[in-house]
All heavy atoms as atom14 arrays in JSON, in Angstrom:
{
  "sequence": "QACVLARERKTDSGSTKYLVGYYVAGADGDHEGLTEAIIIEKLSK",
  "atom14_mask": [
    [1, 1, 1, 1, 1, 1, 1, 1, 1, 0, 0, 0, 0, 0],
    [1, 1, 1, 1, 1, 0, 0, 0, 0, 0, 0, 0, 0, 0],
    [1, 1, 1, 1, 1, 1, 0, 0, 0, 0, 0, 0, 0, 0],
    [1, 1, 1, 1, 1, 1, 1, 0, 0, 0, 0, 0, 0, 0],
    [1, 1, 1, 1, 1, 1, 1, 1, 0, 0, 0, 0, 0, 0],
    [1, 1, 1, 1, 1, 0, 0, 0, 0, 0, 0, 0, 0, 0],
    [1, 1, 1, 1, 1, 1, 1, 1, 1, 1, 1, 0, 0, 0],
    [1, 1, 1, 1, 1, 1, 1, 1, 1, 0, 0, 0, 0, 0],
    [1, 1, 1, 1, 1, 1, 1, 1, 1, 1, 1, 0, 0, 0],
    [1, 1, 1, 1, 1, 1, 1, 1, 1, 0, 0, 0, 0, 0],
    [1, 1, 1, 1, 1, 1, 1, 0, 0, 0, 0, 0, 0, 0],
    [1, 1, 1, 1, 1, 1, 1, 1, 0, 0, 0, 0, 0, 0],
    [1, 1, 1, 1, 1, 1, 0, 0, 0, 0, 0, 0, 0, 0],
    [1, 1, 1, 1, 0, 0, 0, 0, 0, 0, 0, 0, 0, 0],
    [1, 1, 1, 1, 1, 1, 0, 0, 0, 0, 0, 0, 0, 0],
    [1, 1, 1, 1, 1, 1, 1, 0, 0, 0, 0, 0, 0, 0],
    [1, 1, 1, 1, 1, 1, 1, 1, 1, 0, 0, 0, 0, 0],
    [1, 1, 1, 1, 1, 1, 1, 1, 1, 1, 1, 1, 0, 0],
    [1, 1, 1, 1, 1, 1, 1, 1, 0, 0, 0, 0, 0, 0],
    [1, 1, 1, 1, 1, 1, 1, 0, 0, 0, 0, 0, 0, 0],
    [1, 1, 1, 1, 0, 0, 0, 0, 0, 0, 0, 0, 0, 0],
    [1, 1, 1, 1, 1, 1, 1, 1, 1, 1, 1, 1, 0, 0],
    [1, 1, 1, 1, 1, 1, 1, 1, 1, 1, 1, 1, 0, 0],
    [1, 1, 1, 1, 1, 1, 1, 0, 0, 0, 0, 0, 0, 0],
    [1, 1, 1, 1, 1, 0, 0, 0, 0, 0, 0, 0, 0, 0],
    [1, 1, 1, 1, 0, 0, 0, 0, 0, 0, 0, 0, 0, 0],
    [1, 1, 1, 1, 1, 0, 0, 0, 0, 0, 0, 0, 0, 0],
    [1, 1, 1, 1, 1, 1, 1, 1, 0, 0, 0, 0, 0, 0],
    [1, 1, 1, 1, 0, 0, 0, 0, 0, 0, 0, 0, 0, 0],
    [1, 1, 1, 1, 1, 1, 1, 1, 0, 0, 0, 0, 0, 0],
    [1, 1, 1, 1, 1, 1, 1, 1, 1, 1, 0, 0, 0, 0],
    [1, 1, 1, 1, 1, 1, 1, 1, 1, 0, 0, 0, 0, 0],
    [1, 1, 1, 1, 0, 0, 0, 0, 0, 0, 0, 0, 0, 0],
    [1, 1, 1, 1, 1, 1, 1, 1, 0, 0, 0, 0, 0, 0],
    [1, 1, 1, 1, 1, 1, 1, 0, 0, 0, 0, 0, 0, 0],
    [1, 1, 1, 1, 1, 1, 1, 1, 1, 0, 0, 0, 0, 0],
    [1, 1, 1, 1, 1, 0, 0, 0, 0, 0, 0, 0, 0, 0],
    [1, 1, 1, 1, 1, 1, 1, 1, 0, 0, 0, 0, 0, 0],
    [1, 1, 1, 1, 1, 1, 1, 1, 0, 0, 0, 0, 0, 0],
    [1, 1, 1, 1, 1, 1, 1, 1, 0, 0, 0, 0, 0, 0],
    [1, 1, 1, 1, 1, 1, 1, 1, 1, 0, 0, 0, 0, 0],
    [1, 1, 1, 1, 1, 1, 1, 1, 1, 0, 0, 0, 0, 0],
    [1, 1, 1, 1, 1, 1, 1, 1, 0, 0, 0, 0, 0, 0],
    [1, 1, 1, 1, 1, 1, 0, 0, 0, 0, 0, 0, 0, 0],
    [1, 1, 1, 1, 1, 1, 1, 1, 1, 0, 0, 0, 0, 0]
  ],
  "atom14_positions": [
    [[1.15, -44.28, 77.06], [1.21, -45.43, 77.96], [2.66, -45.84, 78.15], [3.48, -45.66, 77.26], [0.45, -46.63, 77.38], [-1.04, -46.45, 77.28], [-1.65, -47.67, 76.61], [-1.33, -48.0, 75.48], [-2.54, -48.35, 77.33], [0.0, 0.0, 0.0], [0.0, 0.0, 0.0], [0.0, 0.0, 0.0], [0.0, 0.0, 0.0], [0.0, 0.0, 0.0]],
    [[2.95, -46.43, 79.31], [4.31, -46.89, 79.58], [4.28, -48.14, 80.44], [3.36, -48.35, 81.23], [5.11, -45.8, 80.29], [0.0, 0.0, 0.0], [0.0, 0.0, 0.0], [0.0, 0.0, 0.0], [0.0, 0.0, 0.0], [0.0, 0.0, 0.0], [0.0, 0.0, 0.0], [0.0, 0.0, 0.0], [0.0, 0.0, 0.0], [0.0, 0.0, 0.0]],
    [[5.28, -48.97, 80.25], [5.46, -50.19, 81.04], [6.97, -50.39, 81.19], [7.73, -50.18, 80.24], [4.84, -51.38, 80.33], [5.14, -52.95, 81.15], [0.0, 0.0, 0.0], [0.0, 0.0, 0.0], [0.0, 0.0, 0.0], [0.0, 0.0, 0.0], [0.0, 0.0, 0.0], [0.0, 0.0, 0.0], [0.0, 0.0, 0.0], [0.0, 0.0, 0.0]],
    [[7.4, -50.76, 82.38], [8.82, -51.0, 82.63], [8.99, -52.41, 83.17], [8.24, -52.84, 84.05], [9.4, -49.97, 83.63], [10.87, -50.27, 83.92], [9.24, -48.56, 83.1], [0.0, 0.0, 0.0], [0.0, 0.0, 0.0], [0.0, 0.0, 0.0], [0.0, 0.0, 0.0], [0.0, 0.0, 0.0], [0.0, 0.0, 0.0], [0.0, 0.0, 0.0]],
    [[9.94, -53.13, 82.62], [10.24, -54.49, 83.06], [11.72, -54.61, 83.39], [12.56, -53.92, 82.81], [9.92, -55.51, 81.96], [8.48, -55.67, 81.54], [8.38, -56.71, 80.43], [7.6, -56.08, 82.7], [0.0, 0.0, 0.0], [0.0, 0.0, 0.0], [0.0, 0.0, 0.0], [0.0, 0.0, 0.0], [0.0, 0.0, 0.0], [0.0, 0.0, 0.0]],
    [[12.02, -55.52, 84.3], [13.41, -55.88, 84.58], [13.71, -57.11, 83.73], [13.0, -58.11, 83.8], [13.6, -56.18, 86.05], [0.0, 0.0, 0.0], [0.0, 0.0, 0.0], [0.0, 0.0, 0.0], [0.0, 0.0, 0.0], [0.0, 0.0, 0.0], [0.0, 0.0, 0.0], [0.0, 0.0, 0.0], [0.0, 0.0, 0.0], [0.0, 0.0, 0.0]],
    [[14.72, -57.02, 82.91], [15.12, -58.14, 82.05], [16.51, -58.6, 82.47], [17.24, -57.89, 83.17], [15.17, -57.7, 80.58], [13.85, -57.28, 80.01], [13.07, -58.46, 79.58], [11.92, -58.01, 78.78], [11.09, -58.82, 78.22], [11.24, -60.12, 78.33], [10.07, -58.37, 77.53], [0.0, 0.0, 0.0], [0.0, 0.0, 0.0], [0.0, 0.0, 0.0]],
    [[16.87, -59.78, 82.0], [18.18, -60.34, 82.31], [18.89, -60.67, 81.01], [18.31, -61.26, 80.1], [18.02, -61.59, 83.18], [19.26, -61.97, 83.9], [18.98, -62.98, 85.01], [17.87, -63.0, 85.55], [19.9, -63.75, 85.31], [0.0, 0.0, 0.0], [0.0, 0.0, 0.0], [0.0, 0.0, 0.0], [0.0, 0.0, 0.0], [0.0, 0.0, 0.0]],
    [[20.16, -60.28, 80.93], [20.96, -60.54, 79.74], [22.16, -61.38, 80.13], [22.85, -61.07, 81.1], [21.4, -59.21, 79.12], [22.21, -59.38, 77.87], [22.52, -58.11, 77.16], [22.68, -56.98, 78.05], [22.76, -55.73, 77.63], [22.67, -55.46, 76.37], [22.93, -54.74, 78.49], [0.0, 0.0, 0.0], [0.0, 0.0, 0.0], [0.0, 0.0, 0.0]],
    [[22.42, -62.44, 79.38], [23.57, -63.29, 79.63], [24.82, -62.62, 79.08], [24.83, -62.11, 77.98], [23.39, -64.66, 78.96], [22.13, -65.39, 79.36], [22.24, -65.89, 80.77], [20.98, -66.69, 81.11], [20.66, -66.74, 82.47], [0.0, 0.0, 0.0], [0.0, 0.0, 0.0], [0.0, 0.0, 0.0], [0.0, 0.0, 0.0], [0.0, 0.0, 0.0]],
    [[25.87, -62.64, 79.9], [27.16, -62.09, 79.48], [28.23, -63.16, 79.68], [27.94, -64.24, 80.21], [27.52, -60.83, 80.29], [27.62, -61.2, 81.68], [26.48, -59.74, 80.12], [0.0, 0.0, 0.0], [0.0, 0.0, 0.0], [0.0, 0.0, 0.0], [0.0, 0.0, 0.0], [0.0, 0.0, 0.0], [0.0, 0.0, 0.0], [0.0, 0.0, 0.0]],
    [[29.45, -62.85, 79.28], [30.54, -63.8, 79.45], [30.8, -64.09, 80.93], [31.19, -65.2, 81.29], [31.82, -63.26, 78.81], [31.7, -63.17, 77.3], [30.85, -63.89, 76.73], [32.44, -62.38, 76.7], [0.0, 0.0, 0.0], [0.0, 0.0, 0.0], [0.0, 0.0, 0.0], [0.0, 0.0, 0.0], [0.0, 0.0, 0.0], [0.0, 0.0, 0.0]],
    [[30.58, -63.09, 81.78], [30.87, -63.26, 83.21], [29.65, -63.66, 84.03], [29.69, -63.64, 85.24], [31.47, -61.96, 83.76], [30.54, -60.92, 83.61], [0.0, 0.0, 0.0], [0.0, 0.0, 0.0], [0.0, 0.0, 0.0], [0.0, 0.0, 0.0], [0.0, 0.0, 0.0], [0.0, 0.0, 0.0], [0.0, 0.0, 0.0], [0.0, 0.0, 0.0]],
    [[28.55, -63.98, 83.38], [27.34, -64.38, 84.1], [26.11, -63.76, 83.47], [25.91, -63.85, 82.27], [0.0, 0.0, 0.0], [0.0, 0.0, 0.0], [0.0, 0.0, 0.0], [0.0, 0.0, 0.0], [0.0, 0.0, 0.0], [0.0, 0.0, 0.0], [0.0, 0.0, 0.0], [0.0, 0.0, 0.0], [0.0, 0.0, 0.0], [0.0, 0.0, 0.0]],
    [[25.3, -63.1, 84.3], [24.12, -62.44, 83.77], [23.97, -61.08, 84.45], [24.43, -60.86, 85.56], [22.88, -63.29, 83.98], [22.63, -63.45, 85.36], [0.0, 0.0, 0.0], [0.0, 0.0, 0.0], [0.0, 0.0, 0.0], [0.0, 0.0, 0.0], [0.0, 0.0, 0.0], [0.0, 0.0, 0.0], [0.0, 0.0, 0.0], [0.0, 0.0, 0.0]],
    [[23.32, -60.17, 83.74], [23.13, -58.81, 84.21], [21.66, -58.45, 84.11], [21.04, -58.7, 83.08], [23.94, -57.83, 83.35], [25.3, -58.23, 83.34], [23.84, -56.42, 83.88], [0.0, 0.0, 0.0], [0.0, 0.0, 0.0], [0.0, 0.0, 0.0], [0.0, 0.0, 0.0], [0.0, 0.0, 0.0], [0.0, 0.0, 0.0], [0.0, 0.0, 0.0]],
    [[21.11, -57.85, 85.17], [19.74, -57.35, 85.12], [19.77, -55.9, 84.67], [20.67, -55.15, 85.02], [19.08, -57.44, 86.49], [18.58, -58.8, 86.85], [17.76, -58.72, 88.13], [17.2, -60.08, 88.46], [16.39, -60.02, 89.69], [0.0, 0.0, 0.0], [0.0, 0.0, 0.0], [0.0, 0.0, 0.0], [0.0, 0.0, 0.0], [0.0, 0.0, 0.0]],
    [[18.76, -55.52, 83.89], [18.64, -54.14, 83.43], [17.17, -53.81, 83.26], [16.31, -54.7, 83.21], [19.42, -53.93, 82.13], [18.89, -54.74, 80.96], [18.04, -54.16, 80.02], [19.21, -56.08, 80.81], [17.55, -54.9, 78.96], [18.73, -56.82, 79.75], [17.89, -56.23, 78.84], [17.4, -56.96, 77.79], [0.0, 0.0, 0.0], [0.0, 0.0, 0.0]],
    [[16.86, -52.52, 83.17], [15.49, -52.07, 83.01], [15.19, -51.74, 81.56], [16.02, -51.16, 80.86], [15.25, -50.81, 83.86], [15.38, -50.99, 85.36], [15.32, -49.63, 86.06], [14.3, -51.91, 85.89], [0.0, 0.0, 0.0], [0.0, 0.0, 0.0], [0.0, 0.0, 0.0], [0.0, 0.0, 0.0], [0.0, 0.0, 0.0], [0.0, 0.0, 0.0]],
    [[13.99, -52.12, 81.12], [13.53, -51.8, 79.77], [12.23, -51.0, 79.91], [11.31, -51.43, 80.6], [13.25, -53.06, 78.93], [12.79, -52.68, 77.53], [14.45, -53.96, 78.87], [0.0, 0.0, 0.0], [0.0, 0.0, 0.0], [0.0, 0.0, 0.0], [0.0, 0.0, 0.0], [0.0, 0.0, 0.0], [0.0, 0.0, 0.0], [0.0, 0.0, 0.0]],
    [[12.18, -49.85, 79.27], [10.98, -49.03, 79.26], [10.27, -49.16, 77.93], [10.85, -48.9, 76.87], [0.0, 0.0, 0.0], [0.0, 0.0, 0.0], [0.0, 0.0, 0.0], [0.0, 0.0, 0.0], [0.0, 0.0, 0.0], [0.0, 0.0, 0.0], [0.0, 0.0, 0.0], [0.0, 0.0, 0.0], [0.0, 0.0, 0.0], [0.0, 0.0, 0.0]],
    [[9.03, -49.62, 77.96], [8.2, -49.72, 76.76], [7.22, -48.56, 76.79], [6.69, -48.23, 77.85], [7.42, -51.03, 76.76], [8.29, -52.26, 76.75], [8.72, -52.85, 77.94], [8.7, -52.83, 75.55], [9.52, -53.97, 77.93], [9.51, -53.96, 75.54], [9.91, -54.53, 76.73], [10.72, -55.63, 76.73], [0.0, 0.0, 0.0], [0.0, 0.0, 0.0]],
    [[6.98, -47.95, 75.65], [6.05, -46.83, 75.63], [5.26, -46.78, 74.33], [5.71, -47.25, 73.29], [6.78, -45.5, 75.87], [7.74, -45.1, 74.77], [7.34, -44.24, 73.75], [9.04, -45.57, 74.75], [8.21, -43.88, 72.74], [9.92, -45.21, 73.76], [9.5, -44.36, 72.75], [10.37, -44.0, 71.76], [0.0, 0.0, 0.0], [0.0, 0.0, 0.0]],
    [[4.06, -46.21, 74.45], [3.19, -45.97, 73.3], [3.05, -44.46, 73.2], [2.64, -43.81, 74.16], [1.81, -46.64, 73.47], [0.89, -46.29, 72.32], [1.96, -48.15, 73.61], [0.0, 0.0, 0.0], [0.0, 0.0, 0.0], [0.0, 0.0, 0.0], [0.0, 0.0, 0.0], [0.0, 0.0, 0.0], [0.0, 0.0, 0.0], [0.0, 0.0, 0.0]],
    [[3.4, -43.92, 72.02], [3.29, -42.48, 71.82], [1.84, -42.1, 71.59], [1.02, -42.92, 71.14], [4.15, -42.05, 70.63], [0.0, 0.0, 0.0], [0.0, 0.0, 0.0], [0.0, 0.0, 0.0], [0.0, 0.0, 0.0], [0.0, 0.0, 0.0], [0.0, 0.0, 0.0], [0.0, 0.0, 0.0], [0.0, 0.0, 0.0], [0.0, 0.0, 0.0]],
    [[1.51, -40.85, 71.89], [0.16, -40.35, 71.7], [-0.23, -40.36, 70.23], [0.61, -40.29, 69.34], [0.0, 0.0, 0.0], [0.0, 0.0, 0.0], [0.0, 0.0, 0.0], [0.0, 0.0, 0.0], [0.0, 0.0, 0.0], [0.0, 0.0, 0.0], [0.0, 0.0, 0.0], [0.0, 0.0, 0.0], [0.0, 0.0, 0.0], [0.0, 0.0, 0.0]],
    [[-1.52, -40.43, 69.97], [-2.02, -40.5, 68.6], [-1.93, -39.15, 67.9], [-1.84, -39.08, 66.69], [-3.46, -41.0, 68.6], [0.0, 0.0, 0.0], [0.0, 0.0, 0.0], [0.0, 0.0, 0.0], [0.0, 0.0, 0.0], [0.0, 0.0, 0.0], [0.0, 0.0, 0.0], [0.0, 0.0, 0.0], [0.0, 0.0, 0.0], [0.0, 0.0, 0.0]],
    [[-1.97, -38.07, 68.66], [-1.92, -36.74, 68.07], [-0.49, -36.43, 67.62], [0.4, -37.24, 67.72], [-2.37, -35.69, 69.09], [-3.76, -36.0, 69.63], [-4.52, -36.65, 68.91], [-4.05, -35.59, 70.77], [0.0, 0.0, 0.0], [0.0, 0.0, 0.0], [0.0, 0.0, 0.0], [0.0, 0.0, 0.0], [0.0, 0.0, 0.0], [0.0, 0.0, 0.0]],
    [[-0.28, -35.22, 67.17], [1.05, -34.79, 66.77], [1.91, -34.37, 67.94], [2.98, -33.81, 67.76], [0.0, 0.0, 0.0], [0.0, 0.0, 0.0], [0.0, 0.0, 0.0], [0.0, 0.0, 0.0], [0.0, 0.0, 0.0], [0.0, 0.0, 0.0], [0.0, 0.0, 0.0], [0.0, 0.0, 0.0], [0.0, 0.0, 0.0], [0.0, 0.0, 0.0]],
    [[1.45, -34.64, 69.19], [2.2, -34.19, 70.36], [3.45, -35.01, 70.62], [4.22, -34.67, 71.49], [1.31, -34.19, 71.61], [0.76, -35.56, 71.95], [0.91, -36.48, 71.14], [0.18, -35.7, 73.05], [0.0, 0.0, 0.0], [0.0, 0.0, 0.0], [0.0, 0.0, 0.0], [0.0, 0.0, 0.0], [0.0, 0.0, 0.0], [0.0, 0.0, 0.0]],
    [[3.68, -36.06, 69.86], [4.88, -36.88, 70.06], [5.95, -36.6, 69.01], [6.95, -37.29, 68.95], [4.52, -38.36, 70.09], [4.02, -38.9, 68.78], [2.74, -38.69, 68.35], [4.64, -39.6, 67.81], [2.58, -39.27, 67.17], [3.72, -39.83, 66.82], [0.0, 0.0, 0.0], [0.0, 0.0, 0.0], [0.0, 0.0, 0.0], [0.0, 0.0, 0.0]],
    [[5.73, -35.57, 68.19], [6.73, -35.2, 67.21], [8.02, -34.8, 67.92], [8.0, -34.06, 68.89], [6.24, -34.04, 66.34], [5.06, -34.4, 65.46], [5.37, -35.46, 64.44], [6.47, -35.45, 63.87], [4.5, -36.32, 64.21], [0.0, 0.0, 0.0], [0.0, 0.0, 0.0], [0.0, 0.0, 0.0], [0.0, 0.0, 0.0], [0.0, 0.0, 0.0]],
    [[9.12, -35.31, 67.46], [10.41, -34.97, 68.07], [10.71, -35.76, 69.33], [11.69, -35.47, 70.0], [0.0, 0.0, 0.0], [0.0, 0.0, 0.0], [0.0, 0.0, 0.0], [0.0, 0.0, 0.0], [0.0, 0.0, 0.0], [0.0, 0.0, 0.0], [0.0, 0.0, 0.0], [0.0, 0.0, 0.0], [0.0, 0.0, 0.0], [0.0, 0.0, 0.0]],
    [[9.88, -36.73, 69.66], [10.09, -37.55, 70.86], [11.09, -38.65, 70.5], [10.77, -39.58, 69.77], [8.77, -38.15, 71.33], [8.79, -38.91, 72.65], [9.1, -37.96, 73.8], [7.45, -39.57, 72.89], [0.0, 0.0, 0.0], [0.0, 0.0, 0.0], [0.0, 0.0, 0.0], [0.0, 0.0, 0.0], [0.0, 0.0, 0.0], [0.0, 0.0, 0.0]],
    [[12.32, -38.53, 70.99], [13.36, -39.51, 70.7], [13.77, -40.19, 72.0], [13.44, -39.72, 73.09], [14.6, -38.84, 70.08], [15.16, -37.94, 71.04], [14.26, -38.1, 68.8], [0.0, 0.0, 0.0], [0.0, 0.0, 0.0], [0.0, 0.0, 0.0], [0.0, 0.0, 0.0], [0.0, 0.0, 0.0], [0.0, 0.0, 0.0], [0.0, 0.0, 0.0]],
    [[14.5, -41.28, 71.87], [14.99, -41.99, 73.05], [15.89, -41.08, 73.89], [15.82, -41.09, 75.12], [15.75, -43.26, 72.64], [14.84, -44.33, 72.11], [15.57, -45.63, 71.82], [16.68, -45.83, 72.35], [15.0, -46.45, 71.08], [0.0, 0.0, 0.0], [0.0, 0.0, 0.0], [0.0, 0.0, 0.0], [0.0, 0.0, 0.0], [0.0, 0.0, 0.0]],
    [[16.7, -40.28, 73.23], [17.61, -39.38, 73.96], [16.82, -38.36, 74.78], [17.17, -38.07, 75.93], [18.53, -38.67, 72.98], [0.0, 0.0, 0.0], [0.0, 0.0, 0.0], [0.0, 0.0, 0.0], [0.0, 0.0, 0.0], [0.0, 0.0, 0.0], [0.0, 0.0, 0.0], [0.0, 0.0, 0.0], [0.0, 0.0, 0.0], [0.0, 0.0, 0.0]],
    [[15.74, -37.84, 74.23], [14.91, -36.87, 74.95], [14.22, -37.54, 76.13], [14.16, -36.98, 77.23], [13.89, -36.21, 74.0], [14.62, -35.28, 73.04], [12.82, -35.46, 74.78], [13.76, -34.72, 71.94], [0.0, 0.0, 0.0], [0.0, 0.0, 0.0], [0.0, 0.0, 0.0], [0.0, 0.0, 0.0], [0.0, 0.0, 0.0], [0.0, 0.0, 0.0]],
    [[13.72, -38.76, 75.94], [13.05, -39.48, 77.03], [14.04, -39.74, 78.16], [13.74, -39.5, 79.33], [12.43, -40.79, 76.51], [11.3, -40.49, 75.53], [11.91, -41.63, 77.68], [10.77, -41.71, 74.79], [0.0, 0.0, 0.0], [0.0, 0.0, 0.0], [0.0, 0.0, 0.0], [0.0, 0.0, 0.0], [0.0, 0.0, 0.0], [0.0, 0.0, 0.0]],
    [[15.24, -40.21, 77.82], [16.27, -40.48, 78.83], [16.63, -39.2, 79.57], [16.76, -39.19, 80.79], [17.52, -41.12, 78.19], [17.19, -42.5, 77.6], [18.67, -41.21, 79.19], [16.81, -43.55, 78.6], [0.0, 0.0, 0.0], [0.0, 0.0, 0.0], [0.0, 0.0, 0.0], [0.0, 0.0, 0.0], [0.0, 0.0, 0.0], [0.0, 0.0, 0.0]],
    [[16.78, -38.12, 78.83], [17.13, -36.83, 79.44], [16.05, -36.39, 80.44], [16.35, -35.98, 81.55], [17.3, -35.78, 78.36], [17.59, -34.4, 78.89], [17.57, -33.34, 77.79], [17.83, -33.67, 76.62], [17.28, -32.18, 78.13], [0.0, 0.0, 0.0], [0.0, 0.0, 0.0], [0.0, 0.0, 0.0], [0.0, 0.0, 0.0], [0.0, 0.0, 0.0]],
    [[14.79, -36.5, 80.05], [13.69, -36.08, 80.92], [13.57, -36.99, 82.14], [13.29, -36.52, 83.24], [12.38, -36.02, 80.14], [12.37, -34.88, 79.15], [11.07, -34.75, 78.44], [11.17, -33.62, 77.44], [9.99, -32.84, 77.33], [0.0, 0.0, 0.0], [0.0, 0.0, 0.0], [0.0, 0.0, 0.0], [0.0, 0.0, 0.0], [0.0, 0.0, 0.0]],
    [[13.78, -38.29, 81.96], [13.71, -39.21, 83.09], [14.88, -38.95, 84.05], [14.71, -39.06, 85.27], [13.73, -40.66, 82.6], [12.47, -41.16, 81.92], [12.66, -42.58, 81.41], [11.27, -41.09, 82.85], [0.0, 0.0, 0.0], [0.0, 0.0, 0.0], [0.0, 0.0, 0.0], [0.0, 0.0, 0.0], [0.0, 0.0, 0.0], [0.0, 0.0, 0.0]],
    [[16.04, -38.61, 83.51], [17.22, -38.35, 84.35], [17.02, -37.14, 85.26], [17.67, -37.04, 86.3], [18.45, -38.12, 83.47], [18.75, -39.29, 82.75], [0.0, 0.0, 0.0], [0.0, 0.0, 0.0], [0.0, 0.0, 0.0], [0.0, 0.0, 0.0], [0.0, 0.0, 0.0], [0.0, 0.0, 0.0], [0.0, 0.0, 0.0], [0.0, 0.0, 0.0]],
    [[16.12, -36.24, 84.89], [15.86, -35.06, 85.71], [14.99, -35.38, 86.92], [15.03, -34.65, 87.9], [15.19, -33.98, 84.87], [16.11, -33.37, 83.85], [15.41, -32.31, 83.04], [16.36, -31.72, 82.0], [15.69, -30.73, 81.17], [0.0, 0.0, 0.0], [0.0, 0.0, 0.0], [0.0, 0.0, 0.0], [0.0, 0.0, 0.0], [0.0, 0.0, 0.0]]
  ]
}
């Protein structure tokens, strides 16, 4: 499962919007080795 939200973070110069991806890994062993770097790499493609 996945859900993406736009969040806002306060900074010294104001505020910045950014995207947050929430995910639930599968119950089986199919999520072994699933890291944030791998998810970002696959999404970037």
